[in-house]
């Protein structure tokens, strides 16, 4: 048994946070896949670059871009390489029958686009490139990548908001009360020890920091993917059992005797009792899960390193330890 129960409790709590964060992350990725969130944000970013719906549709319908859609011609791709975007855009703007590297046709085609912002952007790129088609293409790629940096920021902020929402939902659904978890770990050394061993195995496997959510089956098509981790498979059976031991509503419901003649009133009374009893623990859990799995993986590793070092940094030297001799001359 560990001589540092407080440290083991910190390890166990961090481990539970990690497991629940993995579930939140996985569900978030699954929802994003179902809603095609990445494709929607990408299209929004392209629209902001081109400032012309007709031009955007023509670029998306270009064979180079259309081939990136894994679900058929009617879907938008979730990823567009910068070189393919630049080639497709230049080919569309120069017009049918003209070469994509025909600078004069590119300048003429840009004037036919209804967006003054796009006209200015392309003409500026052509001017600073000295009418060199290779430099123009490289500048268009750079312009696209800068736009995609903004798209990445939008997507991250959206993912963070969704993570917070999912953290609250999962916390309430499984009744993940931080104060209750700490209480169980403090009173039950066997559960605490089991969690420490599972945490040791999880950190040793290096699988918790950034679990892959999909398998990419076609190297040439970055959108051709299949779900890999789902909430049922991202955790081992032992880890799921540990979560079940420390969370859940079974005992709560069983302990509440509701009279058959007034079930609604009894339910509302029980709900008030549950909120009053668990609110602080729920808030702590939801905030912790919103920090994400990588944060808790790093935190867990730090605690495990302290534990493996043998003595906590702030632990006082044992009275039984031999005193160190004073340096000579003192």
C-alpha atoms as a PDB file:
ATOM      1  CA  UNK A   1       0.000   0.000   0.000  1.00  0.00           C
ATOM      2  CA  UNK A   2       1.293   3.450  -0.839  1.00  0.00           C
ATOM      3  CA  UNK A   3       2.531   5.646   1.986  1.00  0.00           C
ATOM      4  CA  UNK A   4       1.184   8.700   0.163  1.00  0.00           C
ATOM      5  CA  UNK A   5      -2.614   8.284  -0.030  1.00  0.00           C
ATOM      6  CA  UNK A   6      -3.127  11.934  -0.995  1.00  0.00           C
ATOM      7  CA  UNK A   7      -0.836  11.468  -4.003  1.00  0.00           C
ATOM      8  CA  UNK A   8      -2.661   8.270  -4.998  1.00  0.00           C
ATOM      9  CA  UNK A   9      -5.980  10.105  -4.752  1.00  0.00           C
ATOM     10  CA  UNK A  10      -4.615  12.818  -7.050  1.00  0.00           C
ATOM     11  CA  UNK A  11      -3.491  10.106  -9.479  1.00  0.00           C
ATOM     12  CA  UNK A  12      -6.848   8.340  -9.341  1.00  0.00           C
ATOM     13  CA  UNK A  13      -8.815  11.554  -9.824  1.00  0.00           C
ATOM     14  CA  UNK A  14      -6.593  12.671 -12.726  1.00  0.00           C
ATOM     15  CA  UNK A  15      -6.997   9.236 -14.286  1.00  0.00           C
ATOM     16  CA  UNK A  16     -10.795   9.391 -14.069  1.00  0.00           C
ATOM     17  CA  UNK A  17     -10.716  12.881 -15.563  1.00  0.00           C
ATOM     18  CA  UNK A  18      -8.535  11.530 -18.378  1.00  0.00           C
ATOM     19  CA  UNK A  19     -10.906   8.666 -19.162  1.00  0.00           C
ATOM     20  CA  UNK A  20     -13.965  10.925 -19.176  1.00  0.00           C
ATOM     21  CA  UNK A  21     -12.101  13.493 -21.290  1.00  0.00           C
ATOM     22  CA  UNK A  22     -11.323  10.769 -23.830  1.00  0.00           C
ATOM     23  CA  UNK A  23     -15.047  10.038 -24.067  1.00  0.00           C
ATOM     24  CA  UNK A  24     -15.817  13.752 -24.515  1.00  0.00           C
ATOM     25  CA  UNK A  25     -13.149  14.070 -27.217  1.00  0.00           C
ATOM     26  CA  UNK A  26     -14.366  10.980 -29.052  1.00  0.00           C
ATOM     27  CA  UNK A  27     -18.012  12.048 -28.999  1.00  0.00           C
ATOM     28  CA  UNK A  28     -16.986  15.526 -30.155  1.00  0.00           C
ATOM     29  CA  UNK A  29     -15.134  14.057 -33.129  1.00  0.00           C
ATOM     30  CA  UNK A  30     -18.015  11.756 -33.984  1.00  0.00           C
ATOM     31  CA  UNK A  31     -20.517  14.631 -33.930  1.00  0.00           C
ATOM     32  CA  UNK A  32     -18.189  16.733 -36.086  1.00  0.00           C
ATOM     33  CA  UNK A  33     -18.000  13.862 -38.571  1.00  0.00           C
ATOM     34  CA  UNK A  34     -21.767  13.373 -38.686  1.00  0.00           C
ATOM     35  CA  UNK A  35     -22.429  17.102 -39.137  1.00  0.00           C
ATOM     36  CA  UNK A  36     -19.512  17.508 -41.576  1.00  0.00           C
ATOM     37  CA  UNK A  37     -18.284  20.421 -39.490  1.00  0.00           C
ATOM     38  CA  UNK A  38     -14.834  20.538 -41.040  1.00  0.00           C
ATOM     39  CA  UNK A  39     -16.268  20.737 -44.557  1.00  0.00           C
ATOM     40  CA  UNK A  40     -18.634  23.522 -43.487  1.00  0.00           C
ATOM     41  CA  UNK A  41     -15.849  25.594 -41.934  1.00  0.00           C
ATOM     42  CA  UNK A  42     -13.621  25.015 -44.962  1.00  0.00           C
ATOM     43  CA  UNK A  43     -16.357  26.208 -47.323  1.00  0.00           C
ATOM     44  CA  UNK A  44     -16.897  29.266 -45.146  1.00  0.00           C
ATOM     45  CA  UNK A  45     -13.179  30.034 -45.339  1.00  0.00           C
ATOM     46  CA  UNK A  46     -13.088  29.633 -49.131  1.00  0.00           C
ATOM     47  CA  UNK A  47     -16.140  31.886 -49.421  1.00  0.00           C
ATOM     48  CA  UNK A  48     -14.387  34.560 -47.408  1.00  0.00           C
ATOM     49  CA  UNK A  49     -11.326  34.329 -49.654  1.00  0.00           C
ATOM     50  CA  UNK A  50     -13.134  34.467 -52.974  1.00  0.00           C
ATOM     51  CA  UNK A  51     -16.009  36.788 -51.993  1.00  0.00           C
ATOM     52  CA  UNK A  52     -18.050  35.447 -54.919  1.00  0.00           C
ATOM     53  CA  UNK A  53     -20.531  32.547 -54.559  1.00  0.00           C
ATOM     54  CA  UNK A  54     -20.471  31.735 -58.268  1.00  0.00           C
ATOM     55  CA  UNK A  55     -16.673  31.599 -58.361  1.00  0.00           C
ATOM     56  CA  UNK A  56     -16.639  29.453 -55.231  1.00  0.00           C
ATOM     57  CA  UNK A  57     -19.048  26.961 -56.805  1.00  0.00           C
ATOM     58  CA  UNK A  58     -16.972  26.819 -59.980  1.00  0.00           C
ATOM     59  CA  UNK A  59     -13.828  26.093 -57.955  1.00  0.00           C
ATOM     60  CA  UNK A  60     -15.595  23.400 -55.929  1.00  0.00           C
ATOM     61  CA  UNK A  61     -16.881  21.825 -59.147  1.00  0.00           C
ATOM     62  CA  UNK A  62     -13.419  21.729 -60.668  1.00  0.00           C
ATOM     63  CA  UNK A  63     -12.300  18.075 -61.105  1.00  0.00           C
ATOM     64  CA  UNK A  64      -9.236  18.622 -58.885  1.00  0.00           C
ATOM     65  CA  UNK A  65     -11.439  19.734 -55.979  1.00  0.00           C
ATOM     66  CA  UNK A  66     -14.461  17.573 -56.733  1.00  0.00           C
ATOM     67  CA  UNK A  67     -12.312  14.439 -56.537  1.00  0.00           C
ATOM     68  CA  UNK A  68     -11.554  15.220 -52.881  1.00  0.00           C
ATOM     69  CA  UNK A  69     -15.193  14.614 -51.872  1.00  0.00           C
ATOM     70  CA  UNK A  70     -15.366  11.085 -50.530  1.00  0.00           C
ATOM     71  CA  UNK A  71     -19.175  10.822 -50.322  1.00  0.00           C
ATOM     72  CA  UNK A  72     -20.070  11.754 -53.866  1.00  0.00           C
ATOM     73  CA  UNK A  73     -20.391  14.792 -56.060  1.00  0.00           C
ATOM     74  CA  UNK A  74     -22.974  16.526 -53.864  1.00  0.00           C
ATOM     75  CA  UNK A  75     -20.743  16.792 -50.793  1.00  0.00           C
ATOM     76  CA  UNK A  76     -18.037  19.290 -50.009  1.00  0.00           C
ATOM     77  CA  UNK A  77     -14.509  18.112 -49.148  1.00  0.00           C
ATOM     78  CA  UNK A  78     -13.243  18.619 -45.603  1.00  0.00           C
ATOM     79  CA  UNK A  79      -9.690  19.211 -46.768  1.00  0.00           C
ATOM     80  CA  UNK A  80      -8.186  20.910 -49.835  1.00  0.00           C
ATOM     81  CA  UNK A  81      -4.419  20.912 -50.449  1.00  0.00           C
ATOM     82  CA  UNK A  82      -3.094  24.404 -51.178  1.00  0.00           C
ATOM     83  CA  UNK A  83      -1.476  23.396 -54.478  1.00  0.00           C
ATOM     84  CA  UNK A  84      -4.704  21.877 -55.813  1.00  0.00           C
ATOM     85  CA  UNK A  85      -6.705  24.930 -54.756  1.00  0.00           C
ATOM     86  CA  UNK A  86      -4.259  27.265 -56.494  1.00  0.00           C
ATOM     87  CA  UNK A  87      -4.241  25.214 -59.696  1.00  0.00           C
ATOM     88  CA  UNK A  88      -8.043  24.875 -59.752  1.00  0.00           C
ATOM     89  CA  UNK A  89      -8.586  28.582 -59.049  1.00  0.00           C
ATOM     90  CA  UNK A  90      -6.171  29.713 -61.751  1.00  0.00           C
ATOM     91  CA  UNK A  91      -7.707  27.283 -64.241  1.00  0.00           C
ATOM     92  CA  UNK A  92     -11.231  28.499 -63.469  1.00  0.00           C
ATOM     93  CA  UNK A  93     -10.323  32.190 -63.632  1.00  0.00           C
ATOM     94  CA  UNK A  94      -8.347  31.940 -66.885  1.00  0.00           C
ATOM     95  CA  UNK A  95     -11.391  30.338 -68.482  1.00  0.00           C
ATOM     96  CA  UNK A  96     -12.059  27.369 -70.720  1.00  0.00           C
ATOM     97  CA  UNK A  97      -9.529  26.944 -73.532  1.00  0.00           C
ATOM     98  CA  UNK A  98      -6.831  28.961 -71.796  1.00  0.00           C
ATOM     99  CA  UNK A  99      -3.830  27.642 -69.916  1.00  0.00           C
ATOM    100  CA  UNK A 100      -3.908  27.978 -66.128  1.00  0.00           C
ATOM    101  CA  UNK A 101      -0.472  29.606 -66.347  1.00  0.00           C
ATOM    102  CA  UNK A 102      -1.538  32.194 -68.922  1.00  0.00           C
ATOM    103  CA  UNK A 103      -0.978  35.386 -66.915  1.00  0.00           C
ATOM    104  CA  UNK A 104      -2.817  37.646 -69.378  1.00  0.00           C
ATOM    105  CA  UNK A 105      -5.871  35.355 -69.321  1.00  0.00           C
ATOM    106  CA  UNK A 106      -5.686  35.228 -65.548  1.00  0.00           C
ATOM    107  CA  UNK A 107      -5.718  39.007 -65.289  1.00  0.00           C
ATOM    108  CA  UNK A 108      -8.586  39.269 -67.795  1.00  0.00           C
ATOM    109  CA  UNK A 109     -10.567  36.529 -66.058  1.00  0.00           C
ATOM    110  CA  UNK A 110     -10.158  38.211 -62.684  1.00  0.00           C
ATOM    111  CA  UNK A 111     -11.808  41.363 -64.073  1.00  0.00           C
ATOM    112  CA  UNK A 112     -14.867  39.277 -64.982  1.00  0.00           C
ATOM    113  CA  UNK A 113     -15.361  38.196 -61.356  1.00  0.00           C
ATOM    114  CA  UNK A 114     -18.007  40.260 -59.573  1.00  0.00           C
ATOM    115  CA  UNK A 115     -16.023  40.635 -56.340  1.00  0.00           C
ATOM    116  CA  UNK A 116     -13.803  43.763 -56.179  1.00  0.00           C
ATOM    117  CA  UNK A 117     -11.952  42.219 -53.223  1.00  0.00           C
ATOM    118  CA  UNK A 118     -11.009  39.160 -55.258  1.00  0.00           C
ATOM    119  CA  UNK A 119      -9.984  41.293 -58.244  1.00  0.00           C
ATOM    120  CA  UNK A 120      -7.710  43.366 -56.032  1.00  0.00           C
ATOM    121  CA  UNK A 121      -6.191  40.309 -54.371  1.00  0.00           C
ATOM    122  CA  UNK A 122      -5.378  38.520 -57.642  1.00  0.00           C
ATOM    123  CA  UNK A 123      -4.067  41.647 -59.359  1.00  0.00           C
ATOM    124  CA  UNK A 124      -1.838  42.360 -56.377  1.00  0.00           C
ATOM    125  CA  UNK A 125      -0.497  38.806 -56.458  1.00  0.00           C
ATOM    126  CA  UNK A 126       0.196  39.089 -60.199  1.00  0.00           C
ATOM    127  CA  UNK A 127       1.944  42.443 -59.772  1.00  0.00           C
ATOM    128  CA  UNK A 128       4.245  41.366 -56.928  1.00  0.00           C
ATOM    129  CA  UNK A 129       5.046  38.140 -58.799  1.00  0.00           C
ATOM    130  CA  UNK A 130       6.412  39.936 -61.824  1.00  0.00           C
ATOM    131  CA  UNK A 131       4.002  38.062 -64.127  1.00  0.00           C
ATOM    132  CA  UNK A 132       5.844  34.819 -63.311  1.00  0.00           C
ATOM    133  CA  UNK A 133       3.181  32.037 -63.289  1.00  0.00           C
ATOM    134  CA  UNK A 134       5.170  29.829 -60.895  1.00  0.00           C
ATOM    135  CA  UNK A 135       5.495  32.654 -58.380  1.00  0.00           C
ATOM    136  CA  UNK A 136       1.824  33.543 -58.867  1.00  0.00           C
ATOM    137  CA  UNK A 137       0.820  29.965 -58.029  1.00  0.00           C
ATOM    138  CA  UNK A 138       3.057  29.971 -54.958  1.00  0.00           C
ATOM    139  CA  UNK A 139       1.539  33.282 -53.799  1.00  0.00           C
ATOM    140  CA  UNK A 140      -1.999  31.938 -54.295  1.00  0.00           C
ATOM    141  CA  UNK A 141      -1.057  28.895 -52.202  1.00  0.00           C
ATOM    142  CA  UNK A 142       0.302  31.194 -49.482  1.00  0.00           C
ATOM    143  CA  UNK A 143      -2.884  33.286 -49.630  1.00  0.00           C
ATOM    144  CA  UNK A 144      -4.970  30.128 -49.280  1.00  0.00           C
ATOM    145  CA  UNK A 145      -2.902  28.816 -46.355  1.00  0.00           C
ATOM    146  CA  UNK A 146      -3.300  32.108 -44.506  1.00  0.00           C
ATOM    147  CA  UNK A 147      -7.039  31.832 -44.966  1.00  0.00           C
ATOM    148  CA  UNK A 148      -6.955  28.253 -43.688  1.00  0.00           C
ATOM    149  CA  UNK A 149      -5.166  29.427 -40.550  1.00  0.00           C
ATOM    150  CA  UNK A 150      -8.261  31.478 -39.777  1.00  0.00           C
ATOM    151  CA  UNK A 151     -10.450  28.455 -40.518  1.00  0.00           C
ATOM    152  CA  UNK A 152      -8.401  26.405 -38.044  1.00  0.00           C
ATOM    153  CA  UNK A 153      -9.013  29.068 -35.404  1.00  0.00           C
ATOM    154  CA  UNK A 154     -12.754  28.989 -36.074  1.00  0.00           C
ATOM    155  CA  UNK A 155     -12.816  25.209 -35.856  1.00  0.00           C
ATOM    156  CA  UNK A 156     -10.825  25.127 -32.611  1.00  0.00           C
ATOM    157  CA  UNK A 157     -13.102  27.651 -30.940  1.00  0.00           C
ATOM    158  CA  UNK A 158     -16.139  25.680 -32.087  1.00  0.00           C
ATOM    159  CA  UNK A 159     -14.588  22.443 -30.792  1.00  0.00           C
ATOM    160  CA  UNK A 160     -13.822  24.072 -27.433  1.00  0.00           C
ATOM    161  CA  UNK A 161     -17.402  25.264 -27.079  1.00  0.00           C
ATOM    162  CA  UNK A 162     -18.736  21.830 -28.010  1.00  0.00           C
ATOM    163  CA  UNK A 163     -16.296  20.208 -25.587  1.00  0.00           C
ATOM    164  CA  UNK A 164     -17.665  22.320 -22.736  1.00  0.00           C
ATOM    165  CA  UNK A 165     -21.257  21.432 -23.663  1.00  0.00           C
ATOM    166  CA  UNK A 166     -20.449  17.714 -23.924  1.00  0.00           C
ATOM    167  CA  UNK A 167     -18.512  17.842 -20.653  1.00  0.00           C
ATOM    168  CA  UNK A 168     -21.608  19.147 -18.867  1.00  0.00           C
ATOM    169  CA  UNK A 169     -23.904  16.596 -20.538  1.00  0.00           C
ATOM    170  CA  UNK A 170     -21.662  13.602 -19.796  1.00  0.00           C
ATOM    171  CA  UNK A 171     -21.082  14.789 -16.220  1.00  0.00           C
ATOM    172  CA  UNK A 172     -24.817  14.934 -15.549  1.00  0.00           C
ATOM    173  CA  UNK A 173     -25.732  11.761 -17.437  1.00  0.00           C
ATOM    174  CA  UNK A 174     -23.294   9.562 -15.505  1.00  0.00           C
ATOM    175  CA  UNK A 175     -23.387  11.627 -12.271  1.00  0.00           C
ATOM    176  CA  UNK A 176     -19.632  12.261 -12.231  1.00  0.00           C
ATOM    177  CA  UNK A 177     -19.314  14.109  -8.926  1.00  0.00           C
ATOM    178  CA  UNK A 178     -15.700  15.038  -8.148  1.00  0.00           C
ATOM    179  CA  UNK A 179     -16.336  15.302  -4.402  1.00  0.00           C
ATOM    180  CA  UNK A 180     -17.939  11.850  -4.343  1.00  0.00           C
ATOM    181  CA  UNK A 181     -15.039  10.361  -6.327  1.00  0.00           C
ATOM    182  CA  UNK A 182     -12.499  11.841  -3.901  1.00  0.00           C
ATOM    183  CA  UNK A 183     -14.511  10.553  -0.938  1.00  0.00           C
ATOM    184  CA  UNK A 184     -14.595   7.007  -2.330  1.00  0.00           C
ATOM    185  CA  UNK A 185     -10.889   7.039  -3.130  1.00  0.00           C
ATOM    186  CA  UNK A 186     -10.055   8.283   0.369  1.00  0.00           C
ATOM    187  CA  UNK A 187     -12.145   5.624   2.112  1.00  0.00           C
ATOM    188  CA  UNK A 188     -11.419   2.662  -0.195  1.00  0.00           C
ATOM    189  CA  UNK A 189      -7.673   1.851  -0.496  1.00  0.00           C
ATOM    190  CA  UNK A 190      -8.332  -1.110  -2.808  1.00  0.00           C
ATOM    191  CA  UNK A 191     -10.176   1.019  -5.371  1.00  0.00           C
ATOM    192  CA  UNK A 192      -7.463   3.636  -5.061  1.00  0.00           C
ATOM    193  CA  UNK A 193      -4.709   1.077  -5.653  1.00  0.00           C
ATOM    194  CA  UNK A 194      -6.528  -0.408  -8.651  1.00  0.00           C
ATOM    195  CA  UNK A 195      -6.852   3.021 -10.251  1.00  0.00           C
ATOM    196  CA  UNK A 196      -3.149   3.726  -9.730  1.00  0.00           C
ATOM    197  CA  UNK A 197      -2.249   0.463 -11.500  1.00  0.00           C
ATOM    198  CA  UNK A 198      -4.582   1.253 -14.391  1.00  0.00           C
ATOM    199  CA  UNK A 199      -3.117   4.748 -14.619  1.00  0.00           C
ATOM    200  CA  UNK A 200       0.360   3.254 -14.723  1.00  0.00           C
ATOM    201  CA  UNK A 201      -0.658   0.982 -17.596  1.00  0.00           C
ATOM    202  CA  UNK A 202      -2.369   3.811 -19.485  1.00  0.00           C
ATOM    203  CA  UNK A 203       0.598   6.189 -19.227  1.00  0.00           C
ATOM    204  CA  UNK A 204       3.008   3.415 -20.197  1.00  0.00           C
ATOM    205  CA  UNK A 205       1.033   2.729 -23.386  1.00  0.00           C
ATOM    206  CA  UNK A 206       1.258   6.393 -24.534  1.00  0.00           C
ATOM    207  CA  UNK A 207      -2.231   6.104 -26.025  1.00  0.00           C
ATOM    208  CA  UNK A 208      -4.019   8.768 -24.013  1.00  0.00           C
ATOM    209  CA  UNK A 209      -2.523  12.034 -25.199  1.00  0.00           C
ATOM    210  CA  UNK A 210      -3.969  12.175 -28.697  1.00  0.00           C
ATOM    211  CA  UNK A 211      -6.056   9.106 -29.510  1.00  0.00           C
ATOM    212  CA  UNK A 212      -6.652   8.750 -33.265  1.00  0.00           C
ATOM    213  CA  UNK A 213     -10.328   9.085 -34.094  1.00  0.00           C
ATOM    214  CA  UNK A 214     -10.250   7.779 -37.651  1.00  0.00           C
ATOM    215  CA  UNK A 215      -8.275   5.470 -39.900  1.00  0.00           C
ATOM    216  CA  UNK A 216      -7.211   6.938 -43.246  1.00  0.00           C
ATOM    217  CA  UNK A 217      -7.509   4.090 -45.705  1.00  0.00           C
ATOM    218  CA  UNK A 218      -6.494   5.938 -48.878  1.00  0.00           C
ATOM    219  CA  UNK A 219      -3.227   7.936 -48.720  1.00  0.00           C
ATOM    220  CA  UNK A 220      -4.157   9.973 -51.809  1.00  0.00           C
ATOM    221  CA  UNK A 221      -7.525  10.986 -50.411  1.00  0.00           C
ATOM    222  CA  UNK A 222      -7.333  12.726 -47.013  1.00  0.00           C
ATOM    223  CA  UNK A 223     -11.131  12.677 -46.657  1.00  0.00           C
ATOM    224  CA  UNK A 224     -11.516   8.912 -47.093  1.00  0.00           C
ATOM    225  CA  UNK A 225     -11.649   7.818 -43.477  1.00  0.00           C
ATOM    226  CA  UNK A 226     -13.509   5.462 -41.191  1.00  0.00           C
ATOM    227  CA  UNK A 227     -14.270   5.953 -37.475  1.00  0.00           C
ATOM    228  CA  UNK A 228     -11.733   4.226 -35.259  1.00  0.00           C
ATOM    229  CA  UNK A 229     -12.416   5.102 -31.632  1.00  0.00           C
ATOM    230  CA  UNK A 230     -15.929   5.290 -30.297  1.00  0.00           C
ATOM    231  CA  UNK A 231     -16.918   5.649 -26.622  1.00  0.00           C
ATOM    232  CA  UNK A 232     -17.258   1.874 -26.281  1.00  0.00           C
ATOM    233  CA  UNK A 233     -13.764   1.084 -27.555  1.00  0.00           C
ATOM    234  CA  UNK A 234     -11.639   4.027 -26.456  1.00  0.00           C
ATOM    235  CA  UNK A 235     -11.571   2.590 -22.915  1.00  0.00           C
ATOM    236  CA  UNK A 236     -10.602  -0.861 -21.732  1.00  0.00           C
ATOM    237  CA  UNK A 237     -13.083  -3.034 -19.832  1.00  0.00           C
ATOM    238  CA  UNK A 238     -11.222  -2.411 -16.576  1.00  0.00           C
ATOM    239  CA  UNK A 239     -11.304   1.345 -17.145  1.00  0.00           C
ATOM    240  CA  UNK A 240     -15.032   1.294 -17.884  1.00  0.00           C
ATOM    241  CA  UNK A 241     -15.599  -0.730 -14.721  1.00  0.00           C
ATOM    242  CA  UNK A 242     -13.658   1.836 -12.698  1.00  0.00           C
ATOM    243  CA  UNK A 243     -15.829   4.639 -14.052  1.00  0.00           C
ATOM    244  CA  UNK A 244     -18.953   2.641 -13.188  1.00  0.00           C
ATOM    245  CA  UNK A 245     -17.705   2.160  -9.622  1.00  0.00           C
ATOM    246  CA  UNK A 246     -17.170   5.876  -9.064  1.00  0.00           C
ATOM    247  CA  UNK A 247     -20.105   7.360 -10.979  1.00  0.00           C
ATOM    248  CA  UNK A 248     -23.700   6.544 -11.804  1.00  0.00           C
ATOM    249  CA  UNK A 249     -27.247   7.025 -10.566  1.00  0.00           C
ATOM    250  CA  UNK A 250     -28.152   3.464  -9.550  1.00  0.00           C
ATOM    251  CA  UNK A 251     -27.615   3.936  -5.829  1.00  0.00           C
ATOM    252  CA  UNK A 252     -29.170   7.385  -5.915  1.00  0.00           C
ATOM    253  CA  UNK A 253     -32.402   6.097  -7.446  1.00  0.00           C
ATOM    254  CA  UNK A 254     -32.541   2.997  -5.272  1.00  0.00           C
ATOM    255  CA  UNK A 255     -32.098   5.021  -2.085  1.00  0.00           C
ATOM    256  CA  UNK A 256     -35.014   7.289  -2.892  1.00  0.00           C
ATOM    257  CA  UNK A 257     -38.389   5.765  -2.027  1.00  0.00           C
ATOM    258  CA  UNK A 258     -41.005   7.418  -4.209  1.00  0.00           C
ATOM    259  CA  UNK A 259     -44.655   6.861  -3.301  1.00  0.00           C
ATOM    260  CA  UNK A 260     -46.669   5.539  -6.236  1.00  0.00           C
ATOM    261  CA  UNK A 261     -49.462   8.056  -5.691  1.00  0.00           C
ATOM    262  CA  UNK A 262     -47.251  11.088  -6.153  1.00  0.00           C
ATOM    263  CA  UNK A 263     -44.390  10.127  -8.472  1.00  0.00           C
ATOM    264  CA  UNK A 264     -44.032  13.566 -10.072  1.00  0.00           C
ATOM    265  CA  UNK A 265     -43.769  15.307  -6.722  1.00  0.00           C
ATOM    266  CA  UNK A 266     -41.339  12.682  -5.489  1.00  0.00           C
ATOM    267  CA  UNK A 267     -39.223  13.061  -8.622  1.00  0.00           C
ATOM    268  CA  UNK A 268     -39.059  16.852  -8.281  1.00  0.00           C
ATOM    269  CA  UNK A 269     -38.132  16.506  -4.618  1.00  0.00           C
ATOM    270  CA  UNK A 270     -35.432  13.972  -5.519  1.00  0.00           C
ATOM    271  CA  UNK A 271     -34.148  16.276  -8.289  1.00  0.00           C
ATOM    272  CA  UNK A 272     -33.806  19.158  -5.841  1.00  0.00           C
ATOM    273  CA  UNK A 273     -32.021  16.859  -3.411  1.00  0.00           C
ATOM    274  CA  UNK A 274     -29.627  15.644  -6.153  1.00  0.00           C
ATOM    275  CA  UNK A 275     -28.810  19.161  -7.336  1.00  0.00           C
ATOM    276  CA  UNK A 276     -28.181  20.386  -3.813  1.00  0.00           C
ATOM    277  CA  UNK A 277     -25.980  17.393  -3.027  1.00  0.00           C
ATOM    278  CA  UNK A 278     -23.951  17.176  -6.262  1.00  0.00           C
ATOM    279  CA  UNK A 279     -23.898  20.650  -7.833  1.00  0.00           C
ATOM    280  CA  UNK A 280     -20.403  21.620  -6.659  1.00  0.00           C
ATOM    281  CA  UNK A 281     -18.985  18.227  -7.631  1.00  0.00           C
ATOM    282  CA  UNK A 282     -20.611  18.440 -11.064  1.00  0.00           C
ATOM    283  CA  UNK A 283     -19.197  21.916 -11.669  1.00  0.00           C
ATOM    284  CA  UNK A 284     -15.697  20.765 -10.746  1.00  0.00           C
ATOM    285  CA  UNK A 285     -15.956  17.742 -13.042  1.00  0.00           C
ATOM    286  CA  UNK A 286     -17.324  19.693 -16.008  1.00  0.00           C
ATOM    287  CA  UNK A 287     -14.563  22.303 -15.724  1.00  0.00           C
ATOM    288  CA  UNK A 288     -11.942  19.549 -15.467  1.00  0.00           C
ATOM    289  CA  UNK A 289     -13.236  17.713 -18.551  1.00  0.00           C
ATOM    290  CA  UNK A 290     -13.293  20.921 -20.580  1.00  0.00           C
ATOM    291  CA  UNK A 291      -9.501  21.106 -20.180  1.00  0.00           C
ATOM    292  CA  UNK A 292      -9.164  18.101 -22.490  1.00  0.00           C
ATOM    293  CA  UNK A 293      -7.485  14.702 -22.504  1.00  0.00           C
ATOM    294  CA  UNK A 294      -3.954  15.979 -23.345  1.00  0.00           C
ATOM    295  CA  UNK A 295      -3.990  18.207 -20.246  1.00  0.00           C
ATOM    296  CA  UNK A 296      -4.950  15.326 -17.958  1.00  0.00           C
ATOM    297  CA  UNK A 297      -2.502  12.967 -19.612  1.00  0.00           C
ATOM    298  CA  UNK A 298       0.319  15.408 -18.868  1.00  0.00           C
ATOM    299  CA  UNK A 299      -0.951  15.964 -15.321  1.00  0.00           C
ATOM    300  CA  UNK A 300      -1.207  12.231 -14.716  1.00  0.00           C
ATOM    301  CA  UNK A 301       2.348  11.728 -15.977  1.00  0.00           C
ATOM    302  CA  UNK A 302       3.636  14.359 -13.558  1.00  0.00           C
ATOM    303  CA  UNK A 303       1.919  12.715 -10.611  1.00  0.00           C
ATOM    304  CA  UNK A 304       3.209   9.308 -11.664  1.00  0.00           C
ATOM    305  CA  UNK A 305       6.751  10.681 -11.917  1.00  0.00           C
ATOM    306  CA  UNK A 306       6.491  12.081  -8.393  1.00  0.00           C
ATOM    307  CA  UNK A 307       5.195   8.744  -7.125  1.00  0.00           C
ATOM    308  CA  UNK A 308       7.918   6.797  -8.920  1.00  0.00           C
ATOM    309  CA  UNK A 309      10.540   9.086  -7.393  1.00  0.00           C
ATOM    310  CA  UNK A 310       9.649   7.537  -4.038  1.00  0.00           C
ATOM    311  CA  UNK A 311       9.378  10.603  -1.855  1.00  0.00           C
ATOM    312  CA  UNK A 312       7.084  13.524  -2.430  1.00  0.00           C
ATOM    313  CA  UNK A 313       8.966  16.797  -2.893  1.00  0.00           C
ATOM    314  CA  UNK A 314       7.511  18.388   0.252  1.00  0.00           C
ATOM    315  CA  UNK A 315       7.851  15.277   2.450  1.00  0.00           C
ATOM    316  CA  UNK A 316       9.991  15.855   5.553  1.00  0.00           C
ATOM    317  CA  UNK A 317      12.968  13.611   6.080  1.00  0.00           C
ATOM    318  CA  UNK A 318      12.214  10.658   8.348  1.00  0.00           C
ATOM    319  CA  UNK A 319      13.485  10.951  11.904  1.00  0.00           C
ATOM    320  CA  UNK A 320      14.999   7.479  11.526  1.00  0.00           C
ATOM    321  CA  UNK A 321      17.181   8.629   8.636  1.00  0.00           C
ATOM    322  CA  UNK A 322      20.794   9.209   9.608  1.00  0.00           C
ATOM    323  CA  UNK A 323      21.756  12.834   9.924  1.00  0.00           C
ATOM    324  CA  UNK A 324      24.075  14.205   7.294  1.00  0.00           C
ATOM    325  CA  UNK A 325      27.481  15.234   8.673  1.00  0.00           C
ATOM    326  CA  UNK A 326      28.145  18.944   8.761  1.00  0.00           C
ATOM    327  CA  UNK A 327      30.696  20.231   6.253  1.00  0.00           C
ATOM    328  CA  UNK A 328      34.179  20.564   7.624  1.00  0.00           C
ATOM    329  CA  UNK A 329      34.983  23.877   9.201  1.00  0.00           C
ATOM    330  CA  UNK A 330      31.418  24.615  10.326  1.00  0.00           C
END
